[in-house]
PDB file of N, CA and C in Angstrom:
ATOM      1  N   UNK A   1     -16.615  -0.127   8.634  1.00  0.00           N
ATOM      2  CA  UNK A   1     -15.224   0.006   8.741  1.00  0.00           C
ATOM      3  C   UNK A   1     -14.652  -0.218   7.474  1.00  0.00           C
ATOM      4  N   UNK A   2     -15.348  -0.805   6.418  1.00  0.00           N
ATOM      5  CA  UNK A   2     -14.823  -0.974   5.156  1.00  0.00           C
ATOM      6  C   UNK A   2     -14.610   0.544   4.466  1.00  0.00           C
ATOM      7  N   UNK A   3     -15.666   1.374   4.797  1.00  0.00           N
ATOM      8  CA  UNK A   3     -15.637   2.504   4.226  1.00  0.00           C
ATOM      9  C   UNK A   3     -14.331   3.376   4.718  1.00  0.00           C
ATOM     10  N   UNK A   4     -14.182   3.192   5.981  1.00  0.00           N
ATOM     11  CA  UNK A   4     -13.019   3.994   6.720  1.00  0.00           C
ATOM     12  C   UNK A   4     -11.539   3.312   6.005  1.00  0.00           C
ATOM     13  N   UNK A   5     -11.640   2.065   5.914  1.00  0.00           N
ATOM     14  CA  UNK A   5     -10.329   1.605   5.345  1.00  0.00           C
ATOM     15  C   UNK A   5     -10.116   1.889   3.770  1.00  0.00           C
ATOM     16  N   UNK A   6     -11.186   1.995   3.195  1.00  0.00           N
ATOM     17  CA  UNK A   6     -11.269   2.523   1.795  1.00  0.00           C
ATOM     18  C   UNK A   6     -10.626   4.055   1.538  1.00  0.00           C
ATOM     19  N   UNK A   7     -11.212   4.711   2.424  1.00  0.00           N
ATOM     20  CA  UNK A   7     -11.131   6.169   2.423  1.00  0.00           C
ATOM     21  C   UNK A   7      -9.626   6.367   2.932  1.00  0.00           C
ATOM     22  N   UNK A   8      -9.206   5.658   3.850  1.00  0.00           N
ATOM     23  CA  UNK A   8      -7.716   5.823   4.446  1.00  0.00           C
ATOM     24  C   UNK A   8      -6.674   5.253   3.147  1.00  0.00           C
ATOM     25  N   UNK A   9      -7.343   4.242   2.567  1.00  0.00           N
ATOM     26  CA  UNK A   9      -6.400   3.635   1.571  1.00  0.00           C
ATOM     27  C   UNK A   9      -6.124   4.453   0.264  1.00  0.00           C
ATOM     28  N   UNK A  10      -7.136   5.306   0.051  1.00  0.00           N
ATOM     29  CA  UNK A  10      -7.186   6.320  -1.084  1.00  0.00           C
ATOM     30  C   UNK A  10      -6.295   7.407  -0.832  1.00  0.00           C
ATOM     31  N   UNK A  11      -6.620   7.732   0.522  1.00  0.00           N
ATOM     32  CA  UNK A  11      -5.697   8.903   0.804  1.00  0.00           C
ATOM     33  C   UNK A  11      -4.122   8.598   1.070  1.00  0.00           C
ATOM     34  N   UNK A  12      -3.815   7.417   1.535  1.00  0.00           N
ATOM     35  CA  UNK A  12      -2.326   6.976   1.595  1.00  0.00           C
ATOM     36  C   UNK A  12      -1.812   6.628   0.431  1.00  0.00           C
ATOM     37  N   UNK A  13      -2.609   6.206  -0.617  1.00  0.00           N
ATOM     38  CA  UNK A  13      -2.246   5.847  -2.182  1.00  0.00           C
ATOM     39  C   UNK A  13      -1.802   7.227  -2.834  1.00  0.00           C
ATOM     40  N   UNK A  14      -2.705   8.177  -2.608  1.00  0.00           N
ATOM     41  CA  UNK A  14      -2.320   9.552  -3.178  1.00  0.00           C
ATOM     42  C   UNK A  14      -1.074  10.202  -2.528  1.00  0.00           C
ATOM     43  N   UNK A  15      -0.912   9.980  -1.082  1.00  0.00           N
ATOM     44  CA  UNK A  15       0.495  10.344  -0.552  1.00  0.00           C
ATOM     45  C   UNK A  15       1.468   9.557  -1.017  1.00  0.00           C
ATOM     46  N   UNK A  16       1.418   8.462  -1.230  1.00  0.00           N
ATOM     47  CA  UNK A  16       2.589   7.462  -1.434  1.00  0.00           C
ATOM     48  C   UNK A  16       2.870   7.854  -3.094  1.00  0.00           C
ATOM     49  N   UNK A  17       1.983   8.032  -3.995  1.00  0.00           N
ATOM     50  CA  UNK A  17       2.130   8.399  -5.321  1.00  0.00           C
ATOM     51  C   UNK A  17       2.965   9.806  -5.423  1.00  0.00           C
ATOM     52  N   UNK A  18       2.449  10.676  -4.762  1.00  0.00           N
ATOM     53  CA  UNK A  18       2.904  12.220  -4.599  1.00  0.00           C
ATOM     54  C   UNK A  18       4.529  11.848  -4.281  1.00  0.00           C
ATOM     55  N   UNK A  19       4.867  11.092  -3.049  1.00  0.00           N
ATOM     56  CA  UNK A  19       6.151  11.054  -2.543  1.00  0.00           C
ATOM     57  C   UNK A  19       7.026  10.273  -3.613  1.00  0.00           C
ATOM     58  N   UNK A  20       6.358   9.114  -4.315  1.00  0.00           N
ATOM     59  CA  UNK A  20       7.136   8.412  -5.412  1.00  0.00           C
ATOM     60  C   UNK A  20       7.457   9.297  -6.645  1.00  0.00           C
ATOM     61  N   UNK A  21       6.629  10.266  -6.744  1.00  0.00           N
ATOM     62  CA  UNK A  21       6.682  11.177  -8.049  1.00  0.00           C
ATOM     63  C   UNK A  21       7.982  12.068  -7.504  1.00  0.00           C
ATOM     64  N   UNK A  22       7.933  12.572  -6.516  1.00  0.00           N
ATOM     65  CA  UNK A  22       9.028  13.529  -5.953  1.00  0.00           C
ATOM     66  C   UNK A  22      10.426  12.729  -6.059  1.00  0.00           C
ATOM     67  N   UNK A  23      10.517  11.508  -5.540  1.00  0.00           N
ATOM     68  CA  UNK A  23      11.668  10.893  -5.597  1.00  0.00           C
ATOM     69  C   UNK A  23      11.897  10.618  -6.995  1.00  0.00           C
ATOM     70  N   UNK A  24      11.153  10.282  -7.993  1.00  0.00           N
ATOM     71  CA  UNK A  24      11.426  10.188  -9.303  1.00  0.00           C
ATOM     72  C   UNK A  24      12.061  11.413  -9.961  1.00  0.00           C
ATOM     73  N   UNK A  25      11.426  12.475  -9.783  1.00  0.00           N
ATOM     74  CA  UNK A  25      12.004  13.699 -10.143  1.00  0.00           C
ATOM     75  C   UNK A  25      13.230  14.096  -9.702  1.00  0.00           C
ATOM     76  N   UNK A  26      13.514  13.860  -8.292  1.00  0.00           N
ATOM     77  CA  UNK A  26      14.772  14.084  -7.695  1.00  0.00           C
ATOM     78  C   UNK A  26      16.075  13.075  -8.373  1.00  0.00           C
ATOM     79  N   UNK A  27      15.601  11.818  -8.555  1.00  0.00           N
ATOM     80  CA  UNK A  27      16.493  11.037  -9.253  1.00  0.00           C
ATOM     81  C   UNK A  27      16.807  11.513 -10.734  1.00  0.00           C
ATOM     82  N   UNK A  28      15.953  11.838 -11.478  1.00  0.00           N
ATOM     83  CA  UNK A  28      16.037  12.564 -13.031  1.00  0.00           C
ATOM     84  C   UNK A  28      16.894  13.599 -12.683  1.00  0.00           C
ATOM     85  N   UNK A  29      16.515  14.585 -11.750  1.00  0.00           N
ATOM     86  CA  UNK A  29      17.426  15.733 -11.735  1.00  0.00           C
ATOM     87  C   UNK A  29      18.952  15.307 -11.172  1.00  0.00           C
ATOM     88  N   UNK A  30      19.171  14.357 -10.374  1.00  0.00           N
ATOM     89  CA  UNK A  30      20.604  14.076  -9.944  1.00  0.00           C
ATOM     90  C   UNK A  30      21.288  13.474 -11.165  1.00  0.00           C
ATOM     91  N   UNK A  31      20.564  12.571 -12.004  1.00  0.00           N
ATOM     92  CA  UNK A  31      21.136  12.047 -12.907  1.00  0.00           C
ATOM     93  C   UNK A  31      21.557  13.017 -14.014  1.00  0.00           C
ATOM     94  N   UNK A  32      20.763  14.195 -14.373  1.00  0.00           N
ATOM     95  CA  UNK A  32      21.057  14.959 -15.360  1.00  0.00           C
ATOM     96  C   UNK A  32      22.132  16.028 -14.748  1.00  0.00           C
ATOM     97  N   UNK A  33      22.294  16.249 -13.675  1.00  0.00           N
ATOM     98  CA  UNK A  33      23.377  16.977 -13.008  1.00  0.00           C
ATOM     99  C   UNK A  33      24.653  16.397 -13.386  1.00  0.00           C
ATOM    100  N   UNK A  34      24.855  15.058 -13.344  1.00  0.00           N
ATOM    101  CA  UNK A  34      26.014  14.405 -13.957  1.00  0.00           C
ATOM    102  C   UNK A  34      27.031  14.456 -12.785  1.00  0.00           C
ATOM    103  N   UNK A  35      26.891  14.731 -11.533  1.00  0.00           N
ATOM    104  CA  UNK A  35      27.612  14.606 -10.746  1.00  0.00           C
ATOM    105  C   UNK A  35      27.740  13.209 -10.176  1.00  0.00           C
ATOM    106  N   UNK A  36      29.109  13.105  -9.449  1.00  0.00           N
ATOM    107  CA  UNK A  36      29.444  11.682  -9.033  1.00  0.00           C
ATOM    108  C   UNK A  36      28.407  11.292  -7.998  1.00  0.00           C
ATOM    109  N   UNK A  37      28.195   9.974  -8.028  1.00  0.00           N
ATOM    110  CA  UNK A  37      27.337   9.086  -7.037  1.00  0.00           C
ATOM    111  C   UNK A  37      27.757   9.268  -5.732  1.00  0.00           C
ATOM    112  N   UNK A  38      26.932   9.820  -4.871  1.00  0.00           N
ATOM    113  CA  UNK A  38      27.179   9.955  -3.451  1.00  0.00           C
ATOM    114  C   UNK A  38      27.712   8.738  -2.655  1.00  0.00           C
ATOM    115  N   UNK A  39      28.403   8.651  -1.722  1.00  0.00           N
ATOM    116  CA  UNK A  39      28.781   7.565  -1.124  1.00  0.00           C
ATOM    117  C   UNK A  39      28.382   7.624   0.515  1.00  0.00           C
ATOM    118  N   UNK A  40      27.878   8.811   0.808  1.00  0.00           N
ATOM    119  CA  UNK A  40      27.620   9.094   2.244  1.00  0.00           C
ATOM    120  C   UNK A  40      26.393   8.268   2.485  1.00  0.00           C
ATOM    121  N   UNK A  41      26.021   7.925   3.625  1.00  0.00           N
ATOM    122  CA  UNK A  41      24.951   7.478   3.994  1.00  0.00           C
ATOM    123  C   UNK A  41      24.161   8.187   4.982  1.00  0.00           C
ATOM    124  N   UNK A  42      22.943   8.314   4.764  1.00  0.00           N
ATOM    125  CA  UNK A  42      22.159   9.197   5.514  1.00  0.00           C
ATOM    126  C   UNK A  42      22.145   8.863   7.289  1.00  0.00           C
ATOM    127  N   UNK A  43      22.201   9.668   8.079  1.00  0.00           N
ATOM    128  CA  UNK A  43      22.258   9.326   9.610  1.00  0.00           C
ATOM    129  C   UNK A  43      20.653   9.139  10.049  1.00  0.00           C
ATOM    130  N   UNK A  44      19.863   8.277   9.321  1.00  0.00           N
ATOM    131  CA  UNK A  44      18.689   8.096   9.903  1.00  0.00           C
ATOM    132  C   UNK A  44      18.578   6.924  10.706  1.00  0.00           C
ATOM    133  N   UNK A  45      17.890   7.112  11.895  1.00  0.00           N
ATOM    134  CA  UNK A  45      17.834   5.962  12.650  1.00  0.00           C
ATOM    135  C   UNK A  45      16.414   5.206  12.945  1.00  0.00           C
ATOM    136  N   UNK A  46      16.344   4.323  12.120  1.00  0.00           N
ATOM    137  CA  UNK A  46      14.941   3.669  11.828  1.00  0.00           C
ATOM    138  C   UNK A  46      14.623   2.330  12.621  1.00  0.00           C
ATOM    139  N   UNK A  47      15.814   1.922  13.448  1.00  0.00           N
ATOM    140  CA  UNK A  47      15.749   0.591  13.751  1.00  0.00           C
ATOM    141  C   UNK A  47      14.617   0.516  15.117  1.00  0.00           C
ATOM    142  N   UNK A  48      14.374   1.594  15.929  1.00  0.00           N
ATOM    143  CA  UNK A  48      13.327   1.605  16.689  1.00  0.00           C
ATOM    144  C   UNK A  48      12.100   1.478  16.136  1.00  0.00           C
ATOM    145  N   UNK A  49      11.895   2.137  15.034  1.00  0.00           N
ATOM    146  CA  UNK A  49      10.451   2.075  14.356  1.00  0.00           C
ATOM    147  C   UNK A  49      10.386   0.743  13.800  1.00  0.00           C
ATOM    148  N   UNK A  50      11.415   0.115  13.215  1.00  0.00           N
ATOM    149  CA  UNK A  50      11.306  -1.155  12.691  1.00  0.00           C
ATOM    150  C   UNK A  50      10.822  -2.222  13.590  1.00  0.00           C
ATOM    151  N   UNK A  51      11.592  -2.190  14.758  1.00  0.00           N
ATOM    152  CA  UNK A  51      11.211  -2.950  16.056  1.00  0.00           C
ATOM    153  C   UNK A  51       9.630  -2.721  16.408  1.00  0.00           C
ATOM    154  N   UNK A  52       9.374  -1.475  16.516  1.00  0.00           N
ATOM    155  CA  UNK A  52       8.011  -1.301  16.957  1.00  0.00           C
ATOM    156  C   UNK A  52       6.967  -1.821  15.895  1.00  0.00           C
ATOM    157  N   UNK A  53       7.231  -1.749  14.489  1.00  0.00           N
ATOM    158  CA  UNK A  53       6.400  -2.332  13.636  1.00  0.00           C
ATOM    159  C   UNK A  53       6.242  -3.758  13.654  1.00  0.00           C
ATOM    160  N   UNK A  54       7.359  -4.556  13.972  1.00  0.00           N
ATOM    161  CA  UNK A  54       7.192  -5.774  14.241  1.00  0.00           C
ATOM    162  C   UNK A  54       6.376  -6.420  15.483  1.00  0.00           C
ATOM    163  N   UNK A  55       6.696  -5.624  16.557  1.00  0.00           N
ATOM    164  CA  UNK A  55       5.789  -5.681  17.910  1.00  0.00           C
ATOM    165  C   UNK A  55       4.283  -5.659  17.296  1.00  0.00           C
ATOM    166  N   UNK A  56       4.199  -4.540  16.583  1.00  0.00           N
ATOM    167  CA  UNK A  56       2.746  -4.118  16.461  1.00  0.00           C
ATOM    168  C   UNK A  56       2.050  -5.291  15.717  1.00  0.00           C
ATOM    169  N   UNK A  57       2.695  -5.712  14.553  1.00  0.00           N
ATOM    170  CA  UNK A  57       2.354  -6.710  13.777  1.00  0.00           C
ATOM    171  C   UNK A  57       1.962  -8.092  14.494  1.00  0.00           C
ATOM    172  N   UNK A  58       2.999  -8.374  15.265  1.00  0.00           N
ATOM    173  CA  UNK A  58       2.666  -9.475  16.094  1.00  0.00           C
ATOM    174  C   UNK A  58       1.493  -9.528  17.016  1.00  0.00           C
ATOM    175  N   UNK A  59       1.336  -8.174  17.676  1.00  0.00           N
ATOM    176  CA  UNK A  59       0.219  -8.102  18.536  1.00  0.00           C
ATOM    177  C   UNK A  59      -1.232  -8.160  17.875  1.00  0.00           C
ATOM    178  N   UNK A  60      -1.323  -7.543  16.565  1.00  0.00           N
ATOM    179  CA  UNK A  60      -2.351  -7.652  15.646  1.00  0.00           C
ATOM    180  C   UNK A  60      -2.809  -9.037  15.278  1.00  0.00           C
ATOM    181  N   UNK A  61      -1.759  -9.837  15.008  1.00  0.00           N
ATOM    182  CA  UNK A  61      -1.901 -11.169  14.433  1.00  0.00           C
ATOM    183  C   UNK A  61      -2.502 -12.155  15.688  1.00  0.00           C
ATOM    184  N   UNK A  62      -1.769 -11.915  16.916  1.00  0.00           N
ATOM    185  CA  UNK A  62      -2.213 -12.438  18.128  1.00  0.00           C
ATOM    186  C   UNK A  62      -3.752 -12.022  18.367  1.00  0.00           C
ATOM    187  N   UNK A  63      -3.923 -10.657  18.388  1.00  0.00           N
ATOM    188  CA  UNK A  63      -5.208 -10.192  18.799  1.00  0.00           C
ATOM    189  C   UNK A  63      -6.264 -10.666  17.882  1.00  0.00           C
ATOM    190  N   UNK A  64      -6.003 -11.068  16.590  1.00  0.00           N
ATOM    191  CA  UNK A  64      -7.031 -11.768  15.749  1.00  0.00           C
ATOM    192  C   UNK A  64      -7.661 -12.957  16.398  1.00  0.00           C
ATOM    193  N   UNK A  65      -6.747 -13.491  17.142  1.00  0.00           N
ATOM    194  CA  UNK A  65      -7.246 -14.837  17.723  1.00  0.00           C
ATOM    195  C   UNK A  65      -8.131 -14.756  18.850  1.00  0.00           C
ATOM    196  N   UNK A  66      -8.114 -13.482  19.414  1.00  0.00           N
ATOM    197  CA  UNK A  66      -9.133 -13.260  20.743  1.00  0.00           C
ATOM    198  C   UNK A  66     -10.253 -12.343  20.334  1.00  0.00           C
ATOM    199  N   UNK A  67      -9.981 -11.483  19.254  1.00  0.00           N
ATOM    200  CA  UNK A  67     -11.268 -10.801  18.826  1.00  0.00           C
ATOM    201  C   UNK A  67     -11.118 -10.474  17.293  1.00  0.00           C
ATOM    202  N   UNK A  68     -12.458 -10.867  16.697  1.00  0.00           N
ATOM    203  CA  UNK A  68     -12.395 -10.910  15.451  1.00  0.00           C
ATOM    204  C   UNK A  68     -12.459  -9.654  14.917  1.00  0.00           C
ATOM    205  N   UNK A  69     -12.582  -8.411  15.742  1.00  0.00           N
ATOM    206  CA  UNK A  69     -12.613  -7.138  15.397  1.00  0.00           C
ATOM    207  C   UNK A  69     -11.025  -6.798  14.917  1.00  0.00           C
ATOM    208  N   UNK A  70     -10.081  -7.529  15.551  1.00  0.00           N
ATOM    209  CA  UNK A  70      -8.665  -7.244  15.254  1.00  0.00           C
ATOM    210  C   UNK A  70      -8.347  -7.391  13.591  1.00  0.00           C
ATOM    211  N   UNK A  71      -9.265  -8.016  12.964  1.00  0.00           N
ATOM    212  CA  UNK A  71      -9.115  -8.385  11.531  1.00  0.00           C
ATOM    213  C   UNK A  71      -8.931  -7.084  10.856  1.00  0.00           C
ATOM    214  N   UNK A  72      -9.567  -6.021  11.242  1.00  0.00           N
ATOM    215  CA  UNK A  72      -9.544  -4.876  10.578  1.00  0.00           C
ATOM    216  C   UNK A  72      -8.281  -4.097  10.725  1.00  0.00           C
ATOM    217  N   UNK A  73      -7.500  -4.473  11.882  1.00  0.00           N
ATOM    218  CA  UNK A  73      -6.329  -3.422  12.227  1.00  0.00           C
ATOM    219  C   UNK A  73      -5.112  -3.965  11.217  1.00  0.00           C
ATOM    220  N   UNK A  74      -5.114  -5.243  10.838  1.00  0.00           N
ATOM    221  CA  UNK A  74      -3.929  -5.363   9.776  1.00  0.00           C
ATOM    222  C   UNK A  74      -4.010  -4.546   8.381  1.00  0.00           C
ATOM    223  N   UNK A  75      -5.180  -4.326   7.783  1.00  0.00           N
ATOM    224  CA  UNK A  75      -4.886  -3.422   6.781  1.00  0.00           C
ATOM    225  C   UNK A  75      -4.626  -2.083   7.067  1.00  0.00           C
ATOM    226  N   UNK A  76      -5.105  -1.682   8.297  1.00  0.00           N
ATOM    227  CA  UNK A  76      -4.761  -0.291   8.658  1.00  0.00           C
ATOM    228  C   UNK A  76      -3.249  -0.185   8.871  1.00  0.00           C
ATOM    229  N   UNK A  77      -2.621  -1.227   9.468  1.00  0.00           N
ATOM    230  CA  UNK A  77      -1.338  -1.387   9.648  1.00  0.00           C
ATOM    231  C   UNK A  77      -0.615  -1.430   8.508  1.00  0.00           C
ATOM    232  N   UNK A  78      -1.193  -2.012   7.368  1.00  0.00           N
ATOM    233  CA  UNK A  78      -0.381  -2.095   5.962  1.00  0.00           C
ATOM    234  C   UNK A  78      -0.512  -0.582   5.551  1.00  0.00           C
ATOM    235  N   UNK A  79      -1.655   0.055   5.647  1.00  0.00           N
ATOM    236  CA  UNK A  79      -1.635   1.430   5.012  1.00  0.00           C
ATOM    237  C   UNK A  79      -0.706   2.428   5.731  1.00  0.00           C
ATOM    238  N   UNK A  80      -0.424   2.197   7.127  1.00  0.00           N
ATOM    239  CA  UNK A  80       0.549   3.050   7.871  1.00  0.00           C
ATOM    240  C   UNK A  80       1.996   2.851   7.216  1.00  0.00           C
ATOM    241  N   UNK A  81       2.292   1.456   7.039  1.00  0.00           N
ATOM    242  CA  UNK A  81       3.604   1.262   6.249  1.00  0.00           C
ATOM    243  C   UNK A  81       3.664   1.823   4.958  1.00  0.00           C
ATOM    244  N   UNK A  82       2.654   1.957   4.142  1.00  0.00           N
ATOM    245  CA  UNK A  82       2.686   2.361   2.902  1.00  0.00           C
ATOM    246  C   UNK A  82       2.880   3.773   3.135  1.00  0.00           C
ATOM    247  N   UNK A  83       2.305   4.536   3.973  1.00  0.00           N
ATOM    248  CA  UNK A  83       2.531   6.036   4.149  1.00  0.00           C
ATOM    249  C   UNK A  83       3.843   6.236   4.711  1.00  0.00           C
ATOM    250  N   UNK A  84       4.281   5.545   5.506  1.00  0.00           N
ATOM    251  CA  UNK A  84       5.816   5.642   5.907  1.00  0.00           C
ATOM    252  C   UNK A  84       6.853   5.479   4.680  1.00  0.00           C
ATOM    253  N   UNK A  85       6.645   4.551   3.774  1.00  0.00           N
ATOM    254  CA  UNK A  85       7.206   4.562   2.487  1.00  0.00           C
ATOM    255  C   UNK A  85       7.133   5.948   1.773  1.00  0.00           C
ATOM    256  N   UNK A  86       5.869   6.306   1.695  1.00  0.00           N
ATOM    257  CA  UNK A  86       5.687   7.639   0.976  1.00  0.00           C
ATOM    258  C   UNK A  86       6.389   8.764   1.442  1.00  0.00           C
ATOM    259  N   UNK A  87       6.410   8.760   2.915  1.00  0.00           N
ATOM    260  CA  UNK A  87       7.020   9.667   3.661  1.00  0.00           C
ATOM    261  C   UNK A  87       8.617   9.979   3.374  1.00  0.00           C
ATOM    262  N   UNK A  88       9.057   8.652   3.382  1.00  0.00           N
ATOM    263  CA  UNK A  88      10.563   8.453   3.072  1.00  0.00           C
ATOM    264  C   UNK A  88      11.107   9.433   1.703  1.00  0.00           C
ATOM    265  N   UNK A  89      10.201   9.722   0.783  1.00  0.00           N
ATOM    266  CA  UNK A  89      10.413  10.187  -0.451  1.00  0.00           C
ATOM    267  C   UNK A  89      10.572  11.819   0.033  1.00  0.00           C
ATOM    268  N   UNK A  90       9.915  12.043   0.783  1.00  0.00           N
ATOM    269  CA  UNK A  90       9.592  13.381   1.173  1.00  0.00           C
ATOM    270  C   UNK A  90      10.872  13.964   2.213  1.00  0.00           C
ATOM    271  N   UNK A  91      11.341  12.862   3.078  1.00  0.00           N
ATOM    272  CA  UNK A  91      12.227  13.161   3.992  1.00  0.00           C
ATOM    273  C   UNK A  91      13.694  13.244   3.162  1.00  0.00           C
ATOM    274  N   UNK A  92      13.966  12.504   2.148  1.00  0.00           N
ATOM    275  CA  UNK A  92      15.189  12.621   1.663  1.00  0.00           C
ATOM    276  C   UNK A  92      15.621  14.215   1.221  1.00  0.00           C
ATOM    277  N   UNK A  93      16.884  14.319   0.993  1.00  0.00           N
ATOM    278  CA  UNK A  93      17.048  15.856   0.730  1.00  0.00           C
ATOM    279  C   UNK A  93      17.138  15.982  -1.002  1.00  0.00           C
ATOM    280  N   UNK A  94      16.741  17.131  -1.567  1.00  0.00           N
ATOM    281  CA  UNK A  94      16.834  17.305  -2.756  1.00  0.00           C
ATOM    282  C   UNK A  94      18.141  17.439  -3.274  1.00  0.00           C
ATOM    283  N   UNK A  95      18.389  16.927  -4.666  1.00  0.00           N
ATOM    284  CA  UNK A  95      19.732  17.006  -5.164  1.00  0.00           C
ATOM    285  C   UNK A  95      20.262  18.569  -5.273  1.00  0.00           C
ATOM    286  N   UNK A  96      21.376  18.928  -5.170  1.00  0.00           N
ATOM    287  CA  UNK A  96      21.858  20.175  -5.560  1.00  0.00           C
ATOM    288  C   UNK A  96      21.701  20.509  -6.972  1.00  0.00           C
ATOM    289  N   UNK A  97      21.260  21.553  -7.356  1.00  0.00           N
ATOM    290  CA  UNK A  97      21.073  21.984  -8.948  1.00  0.00           C
ATOM    291  C   UNK A  97      22.279  22.724  -9.491  1.00  0.00           C
TER     292      UNK A  97
END
């Protein structure tokens, strides 16, 4: 299980770094464009996903009390969270050049 968590961790780290790099390049391009700062808020609906992650976290924490194997689910859930953060950089719109 350690090997699986390590491999998934490496993949998620690379995905997050690629997304972060994309976000950085978009921010630099937007700054160089010199346009006014946009005030519109994207219409993303992440409330349901946030609620689901809270329930999943609670279930994993409670499950660890019933089965020692659930200890491994915590790091995997953290990796899913990091992957979601990396994905957010790919979902955002590129600035107009």
